[in-house]
Amino acid sequence: MNAQYDRHLTIFTINSSISGWDEVFKNSIVTAAILDRLVYHSKIFKITEKSYRLQDYQEKLQK
């Protein structure tokens, strides 16, 4: 990430809210540092629709 920082476009996709990242990293200070680096100069898009993969998976389960 250091080589990419402020030089190239980087896209992250996550399926959990940013507010829940404390549970992932188990350390609020580390979590804050990671998020600070990730969201600086960022645009965040929240997509509330079901993903195509999830829709396909659910359709396959129903068959």
PDB file of N, CA and C in Angstrom:
ATOM      1  N   MET A   1       0.822  -1.197   0.000  1.00  0.00           N
ATOM      2  CA  MET A   1       0.000   0.000   0.000  1.00  0.00           C
ATOM      3  C   MET A   1       0.863   1.256   0.000  1.00  0.00           C
ATOM      4  N   ASN A   2       2.009   1.211   0.651  1.00  0.00           N
ATOM      5  CA  ASN A   2       2.853   2.404   0.682  1.00  0.00           C
ATOM      6  C   ASN A   2       3.271   2.830  -0.722  1.00  0.00           C
ATOM      7  N   ALA A   3       3.562   1.873  -1.587  1.00  0.00           N
ATOM      8  CA  ALA A   3       3.978   2.202  -2.952  1.00  0.00           C
ATOM      9  C   ALA A   3       2.819   2.800  -3.750  1.00  0.00           C
ATOM     10  N   GLN A   4       1.603   2.398  -3.453  1.00  0.00           N
ATOM     11  CA  GLN A   4       0.425   2.880  -4.169  1.00  0.00           C
ATOM     12  C   GLN A   4      -0.081   4.221  -3.641  1.00  0.00           C
ATOM     13  N   TYR A   5       0.184   4.494  -2.377  1.00  0.00           N
ATOM     14  CA  TYR A   5      -0.435   5.607  -1.679  1.00  0.00           C
ATOM     15  C   TYR A   5      -0.243   6.932  -2.421  1.00  0.00           C
ATOM     16  N   ASP A   6      -1.323   7.595  -2.705  1.00  0.00           N
ATOM     17  CA  ASP A   6      -1.354   8.903  -3.392  1.00  0.00           C
ATOM     18  C   ASP A   6      -0.759   8.883  -4.798  1.00  0.00           C
ATOM     19  N   ARG A   7      -0.562   7.698  -5.384  1.00  0.00           N
ATOM     20  CA  ARG A   7      -0.016   7.624  -6.728  1.00  0.00           C
ATOM     21  C   ARG A   7      -0.942   6.940  -7.712  1.00  0.00           C
ATOM     22  N   HIS A   8      -1.676   5.946  -7.247  1.00  0.00           N
ATOM     23  CA  HIS A   8      -2.495   5.133  -8.136  1.00  0.00           C
ATOM     24  C   HIS A   8      -3.885   4.938  -7.546  1.00  0.00           C
ATOM     25  N   LEU A   9      -4.815   4.630  -8.413  1.00  0.00           N
ATOM     26  CA  LEU A   9      -6.165   4.305  -7.996  1.00  0.00           C
ATOM     27  C   LEU A   9      -6.180   2.919  -7.363  1.00  0.00           C
ATOM     28  N   THR A  10      -6.800   2.826  -6.200  1.00  0.00           N
ATOM     29  CA  THR A  10      -6.959   1.551  -5.522  1.00  0.00           C
ATOM     30  C   THR A  10      -8.419   1.403  -5.148  1.00  0.00           C
ATOM     31  N   ILE A  11      -8.992   0.259  -5.447  1.00  0.00           N
ATOM     32  CA  ILE A  11     -10.400   0.009  -5.142  1.00  0.00           C
ATOM     33  C   ILE A  11     -10.483  -1.119  -4.127  1.00  0.00           C
ATOM     34  N   PHE A  12     -11.216  -0.863  -3.050  1.00  0.00           N
ATOM     35  CA  PHE A  12     -11.497  -1.877  -2.049  1.00  0.00           C
ATOM     36  C   PHE A  12     -12.985  -2.145  -2.055  1.00  0.00           C
ATOM     37  N   THR A  13     -13.340  -3.373  -1.947  1.00  0.00           N
ATOM     38  CA  THR A  13     -14.746  -3.720  -1.757  1.00  0.00           C
ATOM     39  C   THR A  13     -14.838  -4.530  -0.479  1.00  0.00           C
ATOM     40  N   ILE A  14     -15.808  -4.189   0.335  1.00  0.00           N
ATOM     41  CA  ILE A  14     -16.017  -4.912   1.585  1.00  0.00           C
ATOM     42  C   ILE A  14     -17.503  -5.189   1.729  1.00  0.00           C
ATOM     43  N   ASN A  15     -17.829  -6.216   2.462  1.00  0.00           N
ATOM     44  CA  ASN A  15     -19.232  -6.521   2.667  1.00  0.00           C
ATOM     45  C   ASN A  15     -19.649  -6.322   4.121  1.00  0.00           C
ATOM     46  N   SER A  16     -18.915  -5.500   4.827  1.00  0.00           N
ATOM     47  CA  SER A  16     -19.291  -5.123   6.187  1.00  0.00           C
ATOM     48  C   SER A  16     -19.100  -3.619   6.324  1.00  0.00           C
ATOM     49  N   SER A  17     -19.779  -3.045   7.284  1.00  0.00           N
ATOM     50  CA  SER A  17     -19.673  -1.598   7.449  1.00  0.00           C
ATOM     51  C   SER A  17     -18.321  -1.225   8.061  1.00  0.00           C
ATOM     52  N   ILE A  18     -17.863  -0.051   7.751  1.00  0.00           N
ATOM     53  CA  ILE A  18     -16.588   0.426   8.280  1.00  0.00           C
ATOM     54  C   ILE A  18     -16.637   0.501   9.806  1.00  0.00           C
ATOM     55  N   SER A  19     -17.797   0.811  10.343  1.00  0.00           N
ATOM     56  CA  SER A  19     -17.924   0.912  11.806  1.00  0.00           C
ATOM     57  C   SER A  19     -17.685  -0.425  12.502  1.00  0.00           C
ATOM     58  N   GLY A  20     -17.779  -1.530  11.786  1.00  0.00           N
ATOM     59  CA  GLY A  20     -17.560  -2.847  12.373  1.00  0.00           C
ATOM     60  C   GLY A  20     -16.127  -3.340  12.286  1.00  0.00           C
ATOM     61  N   TRP A  21     -15.220  -2.537  11.771  1.00  0.00           N
ATOM     62  CA  TRP A  21     -13.847  -2.984  11.591  1.00  0.00           C
ATOM     63  C   TRP A  21     -13.101  -3.177  12.910  1.00  0.00           C
ATOM     64  N   ASP A  22     -13.551  -2.528  13.992  1.00  0.00           N
ATOM     65  CA  ASP A  22     -12.934  -2.769  15.302  1.00  0.00           C
ATOM     66  C   ASP A  22     -13.023  -4.243  15.673  1.00  0.00           C
ATOM     67  N   GLU A  23     -14.107  -4.887  15.288  1.00  0.00           N
ATOM     68  CA  GLU A  23     -14.273  -6.309  15.583  1.00  0.00           C
ATOM     69  C   GLU A  23     -13.325  -7.160  14.757  1.00  0.00           C
ATOM     70  N   VAL A  24     -12.980  -6.696  13.563  1.00  0.00           N
ATOM     71  CA  VAL A  24     -12.084  -7.462  12.689  1.00  0.00           C
ATOM     72  C   VAL A  24     -10.647  -7.390  13.195  1.00  0.00           C
ATOM     73  N   PHE A  25     -10.170  -6.175  13.490  1.00  0.00           N
ATOM     74  CA  PHE A  25      -8.769  -5.991  13.872  1.00  0.00           C
ATOM     75  C   PHE A  25      -8.528  -6.098  15.373  1.00  0.00           C
ATOM     76  N   LYS A  26      -9.602  -6.088  16.178  1.00  0.00           N
ATOM     77  CA  LYS A  26      -9.519  -6.266  17.638  1.00  0.00           C
ATOM     78  C   LYS A  26      -8.676  -5.213  18.344  1.00  0.00           C
ATOM     79  N   ASN A  27      -8.401  -4.108  17.670  1.00  0.00           N
ATOM     80  CA  ASN A  27      -7.608  -3.044  18.279  1.00  0.00           C
ATOM     81  C   ASN A  27      -8.076  -1.731  17.677  1.00  0.00           C
ATOM     82  N   SER A  28      -8.694  -0.884  18.481  1.00  0.00           N
ATOM     83  CA  SER A  28      -9.285   0.337  17.948  1.00  0.00           C
ATOM     84  C   SER A  28      -8.238   1.321  17.432  1.00  0.00           C
ATOM     85  N   ILE A  29      -7.051   1.328  18.002  1.00  0.00           N
ATOM     86  CA  ILE A  29      -5.999   2.246  17.544  1.00  0.00           C
ATOM     87  C   ILE A  29      -5.488   1.822  16.170  1.00  0.00           C
ATOM     88  N   VAL A  30      -5.246   0.538  15.990  1.00  0.00           N
ATOM     89  CA  VAL A  30      -4.795   0.017  14.690  1.00  0.00           C
ATOM     90  C   VAL A  30      -5.889   0.232  13.649  1.00  0.00           C
ATOM     91  N   THR A  31      -7.127  -0.045  14.022  1.00  0.00           N
ATOM     92  CA  THR A  31      -8.246   0.138  13.107  1.00  0.00           C
ATOM     93  C   THR A  31      -8.348   1.587  12.660  1.00  0.00           C
ATOM     94  N   ALA A  32      -8.229   2.518  13.591  1.00  0.00           N
ATOM     95  CA  ALA A  32      -8.295   3.946  13.253  1.00  0.00           C
ATOM     96  C   ALA A  32      -7.157   4.337  12.302  1.00  0.00           C
ATOM     97  N   ALA A  33      -5.961   3.815  12.521  1.00  0.00           N
ATOM     98  CA  ALA A  33      -4.822   4.133  11.656  1.00  0.00           C
ATOM     99  C   ALA A  33      -5.032   3.587  10.242  1.00  0.00           C
ATOM    100  N   ILE A  34      -5.526   2.367  10.151  1.00  0.00           N
ATOM    101  CA  ILE A  34      -5.782   1.767   8.838  1.00  0.00           C
ATOM    102  C   ILE A  34      -6.848   2.548   8.094  1.00  0.00           C
ATOM    103  N   LEU A  35      -7.951   2.842   8.775  1.00  0.00           N
ATOM    104  CA  LEU A  35      -9.034   3.583   8.129  1.00  0.00           C
ATOM    105  C   LEU A  35      -8.606   4.992   7.745  1.00  0.00           C
ATOM    106  N   ASP A  36      -7.807   5.624   8.587  1.00  0.00           N
ATOM    107  CA  ASP A  36      -7.314   6.967   8.275  1.00  0.00           C
ATOM    108  C   ASP A  36      -6.528   6.949   6.971  1.00  0.00           C
ATOM    109  N   ARG A  37      -5.687   5.954   6.791  1.00  0.00           N
ATOM    110  CA  ARG A  37      -4.885   5.840   5.573  1.00  0.00           C
ATOM    111  C   ARG A  37      -5.765   5.508   4.365  1.00  0.00           C
ATOM    112  N   LEU A  38      -6.760   4.636   4.563  1.00  0.00           N
ATOM    113  CA  LEU A  38      -7.605   4.208   3.446  1.00  0.00           C
ATOM    114  C   LEU A  38      -8.571   5.291   2.965  1.00  0.00           C
ATOM    115  N   VAL A  39      -9.141   6.046   3.879  1.00  0.00           N
ATOM    116  CA  VAL A  39     -10.191   6.979   3.472  1.00  0.00           C
ATOM    117  C   VAL A  39      -9.682   8.390   3.178  1.00  0.00           C
ATOM    118  N   TYR A  40      -8.423   8.667   3.433  1.00  0.00           N
ATOM    119  CA  TYR A  40      -7.846   9.963   3.108  1.00  0.00           C
ATOM    120  C   TYR A  40      -7.873  10.149   1.595  1.00  0.00           C
ATOM    121  N   HIS A  41      -8.454  11.223   1.121  1.00  0.00           N
ATOM    122  CA  HIS A  41      -8.624  11.507  -0.314  1.00  0.00           C
ATOM    123  C   HIS A  41      -9.479  10.446  -1.017  1.00  0.00           C
ATOM    124  N   SER A  42     -10.395   9.826  -0.298  1.00  0.00           N
ATOM    125  CA  SER A  42     -11.197   8.745  -0.877  1.00  0.00           C
ATOM    126  C   SER A  42     -12.619   9.180  -1.175  1.00  0.00           C
ATOM    127  N   LYS A  43     -13.230   8.449  -2.038  1.00  0.00           N
ATOM    128  CA  LYS A  43     -14.669   8.558  -2.274  1.00  0.00           C
ATOM    129  C   LYS A  43     -15.250   7.210  -1.880  1.00  0.00           C
ATOM    130  N   ILE A  44     -16.242   7.248  -1.006  1.00  0.00           N
ATOM    131  CA  ILE A  44     -16.849   6.022  -0.523  1.00  0.00           C
ATOM    132  C   ILE A  44     -18.243   5.918  -1.117  1.00  0.00           C
ATOM    133  N   PHE A  45     -18.519   4.785  -1.740  1.00  0.00           N
ATOM    134  CA  PHE A  45     -19.820   4.518  -2.337  1.00  0.00           C
ATOM    135  C   PHE A  45     -20.460   3.375  -1.577  1.00  0.00           C
ATOM    136  N   LYS A  46     -21.626   3.631  -1.042  1.00  0.00           N
ATOM    137  CA  LYS A  46     -22.356   2.576  -0.341  1.00  0.00           C
ATOM    138  C   LYS A  46     -23.403   2.013  -1.297  1.00  0.00           C
ATOM    139  N   ILE A  47     -23.287   0.750  -1.573  1.00  0.00           N
ATOM    140  CA  ILE A  47     -24.218   0.071  -2.471  1.00  0.00           C
ATOM    141  C   ILE A  47     -25.118  -0.802  -1.612  1.00  0.00           C
ATOM    142  N   THR A  48     -26.406  -0.536  -1.682  1.00  0.00           N
ATOM    143  CA  THR A  48     -27.335  -1.262  -0.821  1.00  0.00           C
ATOM    144  C   THR A  48     -28.045  -2.409  -1.536  1.00  0.00           C
ATOM    145  N   GLU A  49     -27.835  -2.532  -2.818  1.00  0.00           N
ATOM    146  CA  GLU A  49     -28.447  -3.619  -3.597  1.00  0.00           C
ATOM    147  C   GLU A  49     -27.735  -4.934  -3.309  1.00  0.00           C
ATOM    148  N   LYS A  50     -28.424  -6.032  -3.537  1.00  0.00           N
ATOM    149  CA  LYS A  50     -27.773  -7.332  -3.436  1.00  0.00           C
ATOM    150  C   LYS A  50     -26.782  -7.483  -4.581  1.00  0.00           C
ATOM    151  N   SER A  51     -25.684  -8.141  -4.307  1.00  0.00           N
ATOM    152  CA  SER A  51     -24.694  -8.357  -5.356  1.00  0.00           C
ATOM    153  C   SER A  51     -25.207  -9.404  -6.337  1.00  0.00           C
ATOM    154  N   TYR A  52     -24.681  -9.363  -7.543  1.00  0.00           N
ATOM    155  CA  TYR A  52     -25.057 -10.356  -8.556  1.00  0.00           C
ATOM    156  C   TYR A  52     -24.647 -11.754  -8.102  1.00  0.00           C
ATOM    157  N   ARG A  53     -23.495 -11.866  -7.467  1.00  0.00           N
ATOM    158  CA  ARG A  53     -23.051 -13.175  -6.988  1.00  0.00           C
ATOM    159  C   ARG A  53     -24.005 -13.726  -5.943  1.00  0.00           C
ATOM    160  N   LEU A  54     -24.449 -12.870  -5.025  1.00  0.00           N
ATOM    161  CA  LEU A  54     -25.385 -13.317  -4.006  1.00  0.00           C
ATOM    162  C   LEU A  54     -26.718 -13.710  -4.620  1.00  0.00           C
ATOM    163  N   GLN A  55     -27.192 -12.948  -5.578  1.00  0.00           N
ATOM    164  CA  GLN A  55     -28.445 -13.291  -6.257  1.00  0.00           C
ATOM    165  C   GLN A  55     -28.331 -14.626  -6.979  1.00  0.00           C
ATOM    166  N   ASP A  56     -27.236 -14.833  -7.709  1.00  0.00           N
ATOM    167  CA  ASP A  56     -27.028 -16.099  -8.416  1.00  0.00           C
ATOM    168  C   ASP A  56     -26.968 -17.272  -7.440  1.00  0.00           C
ATOM    169  N   TYR A  57     -26.274 -17.070  -6.344  1.00  0.00           N
ATOM    170  CA  TYR A  57     -26.147 -18.122  -5.340  1.00  0.00           C
ATOM    171  C   TYR A  57     -27.513 -18.479  -4.750  1.00  0.00           C
ATOM    172  N   GLN A  58     -28.306 -17.475  -4.408  1.00  0.00           N
ATOM    173  CA  GLN A  58     -29.627 -17.728  -3.841  1.00  0.00           C
ATOM    174  C   GLN A  58     -30.550 -18.410  -4.846  1.00  0.00           C
ATOM    175  N   GLU A  59     -30.433 -18.034  -6.123  1.00  0.00           N
ATOM    176  CA  GLU A  59     -31.245 -18.702  -7.160  1.00  0.00           C
ATOM    177  C   GLU A  59     -30.846 -20.168  -7.313  1.00  0.00           C
ATOM    178  N   LYS A  60     -29.574 -20.465  -7.238  1.00  0.00           N
ATOM    179  CA  LYS A  60     -29.110 -21.843  -7.353  1.00  0.00           C
ATOM    180  C   LYS A  60     -29.578 -22.673  -6.165  1.00  0.00           C
ATOM    181  N   LEU A  61     -29.620 -22.063  -4.983  1.00  0.00           N
ATOM    182  CA  LEU A  61     -30.110 -22.775  -3.809  1.00  0.00           C
ATOM    183  C   LEU A  61     -31.592 -23.115  -3.910  1.00  0.00           C
ATOM    184  N   GLN A  62     -32.352 -22.241  -4.557  1.00  0.00           N
ATOM    185  CA  GLN A  62     -33.786 -22.456  -4.668  1.00  0.00           C
ATOM    186  C   GLN A  62     -34.126 -23.549  -5.685  1.00  0.00           C
ATOM    187  N   LYS A  63     -33.216 -23.826  -6.609  1.00  0.00           N
ATOM    188  CA  LYS A  63     -33.480 -24.833  -7.656  1.00  0.00           C
ATOM    189  C   LYS A  63     -33.285 -26.238  -7.172  1.00  0.00           C
TER     190      LYS A  63
END
